[in-house]
C-alpha atoms as a PDB file:
ATOM      1  CA  MET A   1      92.751  84.053 104.823  1.00  0.00           C
ATOM      2  CA  VAL A   2      92.625  87.477 106.590  1.00  0.00           C
ATOM      3  CA  LEU A   3      96.492  88.885 107.917  1.00  0.00           C
ATOM      4  CA  PRO A   4      95.538  88.494 111.844  1.00  0.00           C
ATOM      5  CA  ARG A   5      95.739  92.307 113.716  1.00  0.00           C
ATOM      6  CA  SER A   6      98.899  90.945 115.928  1.00  0.00           C
ATOM      7  CA  GLY A   7     100.807  89.568 112.968  1.00  0.00           C
ATOM      8  CA  ARG A   8     100.830  93.375 111.206  1.00  0.00           C
ATOM      9  CA  ARG A   9     102.088  94.586 114.137  1.00  0.00           C
ATOM     10  CA  GLY A  10     105.136  92.871 114.122  1.00  0.00           C
ATOM     11  CA  GLY A  11     108.616  94.338 113.359  1.00  0.00           C
ATOM     12  CA  GLN A  12     109.660  95.542 110.165  1.00  0.00           C
ATOM     13  CA  GLY A  13     110.824  93.296 106.792  1.00  0.00           C
ATOM     14  CA  MET A  14     108.193  90.272 107.919  1.00  0.00           C
ATOM     15  CA  SER A  15     106.624  89.720 104.285  1.00  0.00           C
ATOM     16  CA  THR A  16     104.465  87.448 102.306  1.00  0.00           C
ATOM     17  CA  GLU A  17     104.059  87.333  99.008  1.00  0.00           C
ATOM     18  CA  THR A  18     101.239  86.778  96.821  1.00  0.00           C
ATOM     19  CA  GLU A  19     100.161  86.091  93.190  1.00  0.00           C
ATOM     20  CA  ALA A  20      96.826  88.069  92.693  1.00  0.00           C
ATOM     21  CA  VAL A  21      95.386  86.755  89.518  1.00  0.00           C
ATOM     22  CA  ALA A  22      92.174  88.204  88.070  1.00  0.00           C
ATOM     23  CA  GLU A  23      89.162  86.545  88.430  1.00  0.00           C
ATOM     24  CA  THR A  24      91.051  83.451  90.503  1.00  0.00           C
ATOM     25  CA  GLY A  25      90.865  83.421  94.245  1.00  0.00           C
ATOM     26  CA  ALA A  26      87.688  82.010  95.470  1.00  0.00           C
ATOM     27  CA  SER A  27      87.197  79.937  97.843  1.00  0.00           C
ATOM     28  CA  PHE A  28      88.194  76.050  97.600  1.00  0.00           C
ATOM     29  CA  THR A  29      84.629  74.128  98.859  1.00  0.00           C
ATOM     30  CA  GLY A  30      84.366  71.500  96.156  1.00  0.00           C
ATOM     31  CA  GLU A  31      81.252  71.210  95.474  1.00  0.00           C
ATOM     32  CA  THR A  32      79.662  72.774  92.123  1.00  0.00           C
ATOM     33  CA  ASP A  33      79.358  76.452  92.065  1.00  0.00           C
ATOM     34  CA  ALA A  34      75.671  78.051  92.003  1.00  0.00           C
ATOM     35  CA  PRO A  35      75.149  79.946  88.849  1.00  0.00           C
ATOM     36  CA  ALA A  36      77.103  82.997  88.684  1.00  0.00           C
ATOM     37  CA  SER A  37      73.986  85.418  88.355  1.00  0.00           C
ATOM     38  CA  LYS A  38      71.751  83.735  91.098  1.00  0.00           C
ATOM     39  CA  ALA A  39      75.218  83.783  93.224  1.00  0.00           C
ATOM     40  CA  GLU A  40      75.450  87.695  92.756  1.00  0.00           C
ATOM     41  CA  ALA A  41      71.848  88.601  93.368  1.00  0.00           C
ATOM     42  CA  MET A  42      71.891  86.733  96.398  1.00  0.00           C
ATOM     43  CA  LYS A  43      74.842  88.683  97.524  1.00  0.00           C
ATOM     44  CA  ALA A  44      73.104  91.809  96.812  1.00  0.00           C
ATOM     45  CA  ARG A  45      70.215  90.886  98.599  1.00  0.00           C
ATOM     46  CA  LEU A  46      72.041  89.312 101.748  1.00  0.00           C
ATOM     47  CA  ARG A  47      73.936  92.545 102.071  1.00  0.00           C
ATOM     48  CA  ASP A  48      70.852  94.968 101.680  1.00  0.00           C
ATOM     49  CA  GLU A  49      68.430  92.954 103.468  1.00  0.00           C
ATOM     50  CA  VAL A  50      70.223  91.365 105.907  1.00  0.00           C
ATOM     51  CA  ILE A  51      73.666  92.756 106.568  1.00  0.00           C
ATOM     52  CA  SER A  52      72.631  96.137 106.753  1.00  0.00           C
ATOM     53  CA  HIS A  53      70.627  95.756 109.813  1.00  0.00           C
ATOM     54  CA  LEU A  54      73.067  94.120 112.046  1.00  0.00           C
ATOM     55  CA  ALA A  55      76.087  95.035 114.371  1.00  0.00           C
ATOM     56  CA  PRO A  56      79.582  94.230 113.509  1.00  0.00           C
ATOM     57  CA  HIS A  57      80.053  90.991 114.869  1.00  0.00           C
ATOM     58  CA  ASP A  58      76.903  89.588 115.048  1.00  0.00           C
ATOM     59  CA  PRO A  59      76.251  86.427 113.314  1.00  0.00           C
ATOM     60  CA  LEU A  60      74.020  86.080 109.998  1.00  0.00           C
ATOM     61  CA  PRO A  61      71.430  83.459 110.339  1.00  0.00           C
ATOM     62  CA  PRO A  62      72.230  79.774 109.467  1.00  0.00           C
ATOM     63  CA  GLU A  63      72.560  78.976 105.573  1.00  0.00           C
ATOM     64  CA  ARG A  64      69.447  76.881 105.558  1.00  0.00           C
ATOM     65  CA  GLU A  65      67.602  79.651 107.600  1.00  0.00           C
ATOM     66  CA  LEU A  66      69.134  81.792 104.730  1.00  0.00           C
ATOM     67  CA  ALA A  67      67.645  79.389 101.922  1.00  0.00           C
ATOM     68  CA  ASN A  68      64.066  79.184 102.972  1.00  0.00           C
ATOM     69  CA  ARG A  69      64.017  82.694 103.979  1.00  0.00           C
ATOM     70  CA  PHE A  70      64.818  83.539  99.970  1.00  0.00           C
ATOM     71  CA  ALA A  71      63.736  80.464  98.429  1.00  0.00           C
ATOM     72  CA  VAL A  72      67.037  79.773  97.186  1.00  0.00           C
ATOM     73  CA  SER A  73      69.388  76.659  97.221  1.00  0.00           C
ATOM     74  CA  ARG A  74      72.143  76.641  99.975  1.00  0.00           C
ATOM     75  CA  ALA A  75      74.674  76.353  97.223  1.00  0.00           C
ATOM     76  CA  THR A  76      73.658  79.505  96.063  1.00  0.00           C
ATOM     77  CA  VAL A  77      73.929  81.146  99.896  1.00  0.00           C
ATOM     78  CA  ARG A  78      77.210  79.125 100.448  1.00  0.00           C
ATOM     79  CA  GLN A  79      78.514  81.222  97.255  1.00  0.00           C
ATOM     80  CA  ALA A  80      76.976  84.385  98.228  1.00  0.00           C
ATOM     81  CA  LEU A  81      78.543  84.283 101.314  1.00  0.00           C
ATOM     82  CA  ALA A  82      81.733  83.654  99.777  1.00  0.00           C
ATOM     83  CA  ARG A  83      81.537  87.072  97.679  1.00  0.00           C
ATOM     84  CA  LEU A  84      80.587  88.564 100.971  1.00  0.00           C
ATOM     85  CA  ALA A  85      83.988  87.241 102.608  1.00  0.00           C
ATOM     86  CA  ASP A  86      85.828  87.985  99.441  1.00  0.00           C
ATOM     87  CA  HIS A  87      84.801  91.544  99.623  1.00  0.00           C
ATOM     88  CA  GLY A  88      84.887  92.518 103.418  1.00  0.00           C
ATOM     89  CA  TRP A  89      81.571  92.490 104.310  1.00  0.00           C
ATOM     90  CA  VAL A  90      81.490  89.324 106.405  1.00  0.00           C
ATOM     91  CA  TYR A  91      83.857  86.990 108.008  1.00  0.00           C
ATOM     92  CA  ARG A  92      83.717  83.234 109.095  1.00  0.00           C
ATOM     93  CA  VAL A  93      84.757  81.306 112.091  1.00  0.00           C
ATOM     94  CA  GLN A  94      84.996  77.819 111.979  1.00  0.00           C
ATOM     95  CA  GLY A  95      82.582  75.803 114.000  1.00  0.00           C
ATOM     96  CA  SER A  96      80.832  79.202 114.691  1.00  0.00           C
ATOM     97  CA  GLY A  97      79.310  80.543 111.828  1.00  0.00           C
ATOM     98  CA  THR A  98      79.339  84.087 109.392  1.00  0.00           C
ATOM     99  CA  PHE A  99      79.674  87.166 111.162  1.00  0.00           C
ATOM    100  CA  VAL A 100      79.269  90.796 110.064  1.00  0.00           C
ATOM    101  CA  ALA A 101      82.327  92.225 109.567  1.00  0.00           C
ATOM    102  CA  ASP A 102      83.755  95.855 110.887  1.00  0.00           C
ATOM    103  CA  LYS A 103      82.559  98.167 108.730  1.00  0.00           C
ATOM    104  CA  ASP A 104      85.668 100.574 109.423  1.00  0.00           C
ATOM    105  CA  LEU A 105      87.871  97.978 107.933  1.00  0.00           C
ATOM    106  CA  VAL A 106      88.188  97.476 104.547  1.00  0.00           C
ATOM    107  CA  THR A 107      89.494  93.748 103.399  1.00  0.00           C
ATOM    108  CA  LYS A 108      91.243  93.623 100.659  1.00  0.00           C
ATOM    109  CA  SER A 109      89.667  90.833  98.106  1.00  0.00           C
ATOM    110  CA  PRO A 110      92.131  88.259  96.543  1.00  0.00           C
ATOM    111  CA  TYR A 111      90.803  89.702  93.308  1.00  0.00           C
ATOM    112  CA  LEU A 112      92.942  92.023  91.139  1.00  0.00           C
ATOM    113  CA  THR A 113      90.926  95.130  91.418  1.00  0.00           C
ATOM    114  CA  SER A 114      91.629  98.967  92.369  1.00  0.00           C
ATOM    115  CA  PHE A 115      91.895 101.220  95.547  1.00  0.00           C
ATOM    116  CA  SER A 116      88.492 102.924  93.949  1.00  0.00           C
ATOM    117  CA  GLU A 117      86.939  99.723  92.921  1.00  0.00           C
ATOM    118  CA  ASP A 118      87.502  98.153  96.891  1.00  0.00           C
ATOM    119  CA  ILE A 119      86.122 101.301  98.524  1.00  0.00           C
ATOM    120  CA  ALA A 120      82.921 101.357  96.112  1.00  0.00           C
ATOM    121  CA  GLU A 121      82.426  97.822  96.899  1.00  0.00           C
ATOM    122  CA  ARG A 122      82.377  98.413 100.751  1.00  0.00           C
ATOM    123  CA  GLY A 123      79.803 101.284  99.727  1.00  0.00           C
ATOM    124  CA  MET A 124      82.302 103.929 100.558  1.00  0.00           C
ATOM    125  CA  THR A 125      83.278 106.907  98.445  1.00  0.00           C
ATOM    126  CA  PRO A 126      86.976 106.931  96.846  1.00  0.00           C
ATOM    127  CA  GLY A 127      88.771 109.898  97.199  1.00  0.00           C
ATOM    128  CA  SER A 128      92.231 110.948  96.261  1.00  0.00           C
ATOM    129  CA  ARG A 129      94.619 114.057  96.625  1.00  0.00           C
ATOM    130  CA  VAL A 130      97.567 114.421  94.250  1.00  0.00           C
ATOM    131  CA  LEU A 131     100.735 114.648  96.320  1.00  0.00           C
ATOM    132  CA  ARG A 132     102.979 114.599  92.828  1.00  0.00           C
ATOM    133  CA  LEU A 133     102.653 114.082  89.379  1.00  0.00           C
ATOM    134  CA  GLU A 134     106.047 114.359  87.440  1.00  0.00           C
ATOM    135  CA  HIS A 135     108.526 112.945  85.013  1.00  0.00           C
ATOM    136  CA  VAL A 136     111.554 110.858  86.523  1.00  0.00           C
ATOM    137  CA  ARG A 137     114.310 109.011  85.593  1.00  0.00           C
ATOM    138  CA  ALA A 138     113.847 104.803  87.022  1.00  0.00           C
ATOM    139  CA  ASP A 139     116.211 103.797  89.544  1.00  0.00           C
ATOM    140  CA  GLU A 140     117.374 100.574  89.886  1.00  0.00           C
ATOM    141  CA  ARG A 141     114.606  99.093  91.519  1.00  0.00           C
ATOM    142  CA  VAL A 142     112.087 100.685  89.251  1.00  0.00           C
ATOM    143  CA  ALA A 143     113.856  99.761  86.634  1.00  0.00           C
ATOM    144  CA  ARG A 144     113.887  96.212  87.625  1.00  0.00           C
ATOM    145  CA  GLU A 145     110.350  96.130  88.630  1.00  0.00           C
ATOM    146  CA  LEU A 146     109.105  97.142  84.932  1.00  0.00           C
ATOM    147  CA  LEU A 147     111.714  95.453  83.206  1.00  0.00           C
ATOM    148  CA  ILE A 148     113.659  98.647  81.685  1.00  0.00           C
ATOM    149  CA  PRO A 149     116.890 100.211  81.619  1.00  0.00           C
ATOM    150  CA  VAL A 150     118.027 102.561  84.233  1.00  0.00           C
ATOM    151  CA  GLY A 151     117.822 106.088  83.708  1.00  0.00           C
ATOM    152  CA  SER A 152     114.612 105.415  81.701  1.00  0.00           C
ATOM    153  CA  ARG A 153     111.877 108.076  81.738  1.00  0.00           C
ATOM    154  CA  VAL A 154     108.886 107.315  83.841  1.00  0.00           C
ATOM    155  CA  VAL A 155     105.467 108.619  85.048  1.00  0.00           C
ATOM    156  CA  HIS A 156     105.993 109.130  89.027  1.00  0.00           C
ATOM    157  CA  ILE A 157     102.694 109.475  91.046  1.00  0.00           C
ATOM    158  CA  GLU A 158     102.253 110.285  94.523  1.00  0.00           C
ATOM    159  CA  ARG A 159      98.521 110.184  95.794  1.00  0.00           C
ATOM    160  CA  LEU A 160      96.487 110.175  99.517  1.00  0.00           C
ATOM    161  CA  ARG A 161      93.921 107.816  98.947  1.00  0.00           C
ATOM    162  CA  THR A 162      90.713 108.334 101.041  1.00  0.00           C
ATOM    163  CA  ALA A 163      87.654 106.375 101.910  1.00  0.00           C
ATOM    164  CA  ASP A 164      84.515 108.775 102.648  1.00  0.00           C
ATOM    165  CA  GLY A 165      87.435 111.171 103.135  1.00  0.00           C
ATOM    166  CA  ALA A 166      89.250 109.866 105.882  1.00  0.00           C
ATOM    167  CA  PRO A 167      93.021 109.126 105.055  1.00  0.00           C
ATOM    168  CA  LEU A 168      93.264 105.451 104.173  1.00  0.00           C
ATOM    169  CA  CYS A 169      96.726 104.933 102.112  1.00  0.00           C
ATOM    170  CA  VAL A 170      99.424 106.845 100.537  1.00  0.00           C
ATOM    171  CA  GLU A 171     100.097 105.299  97.291  1.00  0.00           C
ATOM    172  CA  GLY A 172     103.615 105.586  94.874  1.00  0.00           C
ATOM    173  CA  LEU A 173     103.053 104.425  91.159  1.00  0.00           C
ATOM    174  CA  TRP A 174     105.414 104.345  88.369  1.00  0.00           C
ATOM    175  CA  LEU A 175     104.329 103.836  85.004  1.00  0.00           C
ATOM    176  CA  PRO A 176     106.567 103.095  81.761  1.00  0.00           C
ATOM    177  CA  GLU A 177     106.780 105.674  79.214  1.00  0.00           C
ATOM    178  CA  TRP A 178     105.791 103.248  76.621  1.00  0.00           C
ATOM    179  CA  LEU A 179     102.632 103.166  77.853  1.00  0.00           C
ATOM    180  CA  THR A 180     101.938 107.461  78.299  1.00  0.00           C
ATOM    181  CA  GLY A 181     104.444 109.073  76.113  1.00  0.00           C
ATOM    182  CA  GLU A 182     104.791 112.728  77.434  1.00  0.00           C
ATOM    183  CA  ASN A 183     101.218 112.503  79.065  1.00  0.00           C
ATOM    184  CA  LEU A 184     100.827 113.978  82.481  1.00  0.00           C
ATOM    185  CA  GLY A 185      97.099 115.152  81.360  1.00  0.00           C
ATOM    186  CA  PRO A 186      94.306 114.873  83.800  1.00  0.00           C
ATOM    187  CA  GLU A 187      93.731 110.723  82.709  1.00  0.00           C
ATOM    188  CA  LEU A 188      95.893 110.242  85.161  1.00  0.00           C
ATOM    189  CA  LEU A 189      94.271 111.614  87.957  1.00  0.00           C
ATOM    190  CA  GLY A 190      91.437 109.331  87.787  1.00  0.00           C
ATOM    191  CA  SER A 191      91.125 105.449  87.577  1.00  0.00           C
ATOM    192  CA  LEU A 192      94.585 104.116  86.510  1.00  0.00           C
ATOM    193  CA  TYR A 193      93.109 101.137  85.405  1.00  0.00           C
ATOM    194  CA  ALA A 194      90.069 102.648  83.446  1.00  0.00           C
ATOM    195  CA  TYR A 195      92.913 104.726  81.443  1.00  0.00           C
ATOM    196  CA  PHE A 196      95.171 101.337  80.761  1.00  0.00           C
ATOM    197  CA  GLU A 197      92.367  99.228  79.455  1.00  0.00           C
ATOM    198  CA  HIS A 198      91.613 102.441  76.821  1.00  0.00           C
ATOM    199  CA  ALA A 199      95.163 102.249  76.029  1.00  0.00           C
ATOM    200  CA  GLY A 200      94.868  98.771  75.268  1.00  0.00           C
ATOM    201  CA  ALA A 201      96.994  97.254  78.218  1.00  0.00           C
ATOM    202  CA  SER A 202      93.902  96.260  80.341  1.00  0.00           C
ATOM    203  CA  PRO A 203      95.447  94.429  84.058  1.00  0.00           C
ATOM    204  CA  ALA A 204      95.394  90.627  84.007  1.00  0.00           C
ATOM    205  CA  ARG A 205      97.525  89.872  86.996  1.00  0.00           C
ATOM    206  CA  ALA A 206      99.629  91.459  89.800  1.00  0.00           C
ATOM    207  CA  HIS A 207     102.676  89.715  91.786  1.00  0.00           C
ATOM    208  CA  GLN A 208     102.545  91.344  95.189  1.00  0.00           C
ATOM    209  CA  THR A 209     104.475  91.996  98.755  1.00  0.00           C
ATOM    210  CA  LEU A 210     102.922  93.086 101.994  1.00  0.00           C
ATOM    211  CA  ARG A 211     105.078  94.078 104.873  1.00  0.00           C
ATOM    212  CA  ALA A 212     104.458  95.386 107.759  1.00  0.00           C
ATOM    213  CA  VAL A 213     106.015  98.488 109.035  1.00  0.00           C
ATOM    214  CA  THR A 214     105.647 101.686 111.359  1.00  0.00           C
ATOM    215  CA  LEU A 215     104.659 104.627 110.005  1.00  0.00           C
ATOM    216  CA  ASP A 216     107.418 107.513 110.330  1.00  0.00           C
ATOM    217  CA  GLU A 217     106.563 111.494 110.952  1.00  0.00           C
ATOM    218  CA  ALA A 218     105.574 112.203 107.088  1.00  0.00           C
ATOM    219  CA  GLN A 219     103.081 109.299 106.522  1.00  0.00           C
ATOM    220  CA  ALA A 220     101.911 109.554 109.591  1.00  0.00           C
ATOM    221  CA  GLU A 221     100.736 113.109 109.395  1.00  0.00           C
ATOM    222  CA  LEU A 222      99.369 112.308 105.940  1.00  0.00           C
ATOM    223  CA  LEU A 223      97.461 109.198 107.322  1.00  0.00           C
ATOM    224  CA  ASP A 224      95.850 111.534 110.261  1.00  0.00           C
ATOM    225  CA  THR A 225      97.772 109.060 112.938  1.00  0.00           C
ATOM    226  CA  GLU A 226     100.595 108.968 115.369  1.00  0.00           C
ATOM    227  CA  PRO A 227     104.260 108.271 114.218  1.00  0.00           C
ATOM    228  CA  GLY A 228     105.363 104.724 115.030  1.00  0.00           C
ATOM    229  CA  ALA A 229     101.841 103.435 114.270  1.00  0.00           C
ATOM    230  CA  ALA A 230     101.442 100.202 112.350  1.00  0.00           C
ATOM    231  CA  ALA A 231     100.961 100.165 108.968  1.00  0.00           C
ATOM    232  CA  LEU A 232     100.816  97.814 105.593  1.00  0.00           C
ATOM    233  CA  THR A 233     102.976  98.580 103.052  1.00  0.00           C
ATOM    234  CA  VAL A 234     102.047  96.845  99.291  1.00  0.00           C
ATOM    235  CA  SER A 235     104.695  96.323  96.488  1.00  0.00           C
ATOM    236  CA  ARG A 236     102.759  95.425  93.369  1.00  0.00           C
ATOM    237  CA  ILE A 237     103.741  94.804  89.810  1.00  0.00           C
ATOM    238  CA  VAL A 238     100.847  94.893  87.273  1.00  0.00           C
ATOM    239  CA  PHE A 239     101.186  92.897  84.291  1.00  0.00           C
ATOM    240  CA  ASP A 240      98.754  93.351  81.153  1.00  0.00           C
ATOM    241  CA  ALA A 241      97.569  90.205  79.239  1.00  0.00           C
ATOM    242  CA  HIS A 242     100.546  90.128  76.968  1.00  0.00           C
ATOM    243  CA  GLY A 243     102.573  89.759  80.375  1.00  0.00           C
ATOM    244  CA  ARG A 244     103.685  93.465  79.932  1.00  0.00           C
ATOM    245  CA  ARG A 245     104.394  95.593  82.865  1.00  0.00           C
ATOM    246  CA  ILE A 246     102.523  98.242  82.882  1.00  0.00           C
ATOM    247  CA  GLU A 247     102.948  99.875  86.997  1.00  0.00           C
ATOM    248  CA  ALA A 248     104.885  99.201  89.557  1.00  0.00           C
ATOM    249  CA  SER A 249     103.606 100.697  92.845  1.00  0.00           C
ATOM    250  CA  ASN A 250     104.296 100.929  96.560  1.00  0.00           C
ATOM    251  CA  SER A 251     101.796 101.709  98.788  1.00  0.00           C
ATOM    252  CA  VAL A 252     101.382 102.331 102.755  1.00  0.00           C
ATOM    253  CA  TYR A 253      97.989 101.242 104.395  1.00  0.00           C
ATOM    254  CA  ARG A 254      96.487 102.040 108.300  1.00  0.00           C
ATOM    255  CA  GLY A 255      96.967  99.173 109.723  1.00  0.00           C
ATOM    256  CA  ASP A 256      94.019  99.347 111.931  1.00  0.00           C
ATOM    257  CA  ARG A 257      91.832 100.229 108.472  1.00  0.00           C
ATOM    258  CA  TYR A 258      92.929  97.925 105.987  1.00  0.00           C
ATOM    259  CA  ASP A 259      93.107  93.945 105.690  1.00  0.00           C
ATOM    260  CA  PHE A 260      94.177  91.698 102.895  1.00  0.00           C
ATOM    261  CA  GLN A 261      92.596  88.208 102.056  1.00  0.00           C
ATOM    262  CA  ILE A 262      95.132  85.624 100.705  1.00  0.00           C
ATOM    263  CA  ASN A 263      93.434  82.054  99.766  1.00  0.00           C
ATOM    264  CA  VAL A 264      95.558  79.189  99.888  1.00  0.00           C
ATOM    265  CA  LYS A 265      95.676  75.541  99.619  1.00  0.00           C
ATOM    266  CA  ARG A 266      97.736  72.389  99.810  1.00  0.00           C
ATOM    267  CA  ARG A 267      99.878  71.123  96.800  1.00  0.00           C
ATOM    268  CA  ALA A 268      98.295  68.177  95.355  1.00  0.00           C
END
């Protein structure tokens, strides 16, 4: 489910919590999945040979037509379309079909991925400008989220994240000192997920809270928009495979450039 634009522009404080777990969140179709390799190959062909030639909101051909054109099963086409929807390339309208998504709107998939991975998946170049990189003492909120004593030393990073050079997100992160030590080196300026993996703390799942907010003057200036513009703030706690809390973050996204997908199902 993509959060509707009208919902994001509500008042401050409205929130929804989601649990993002690595390799989960695919659409529930009730059918046997096509082999992953076939679906992934079909996804790439649909993106390169069909979607790239259509305009935003144009309909894709029906599943049967696509299956005949590429000589694959409808199950493979269905799985490929689901993956494209997960990564924001297409969207579906019940009873109407599948349509090309707006290329200027980045949709966060239900998988635990980094900002750089999300932007690269859309065929854009991710960028970053470091605003702060420092050791600070954990306040009550950071200490609670990282399960460390108040006043513990943590690394604080603040970055302006971009897609093809256009500002998209102001990102604030706090990392526990047991993970970074005294390090404030250049490796913390690149992909933090790659840094985590190298440190033996690969991200496995995250708890997120999403809220609709409006931008203050400082945020609006960084994001190249007007004060009071609609935005989406995402608070995230990242856990590694051992259940350790390796990152607490708070990111503010331009409301007109970013959507989140959340797949839900009824309880049994």
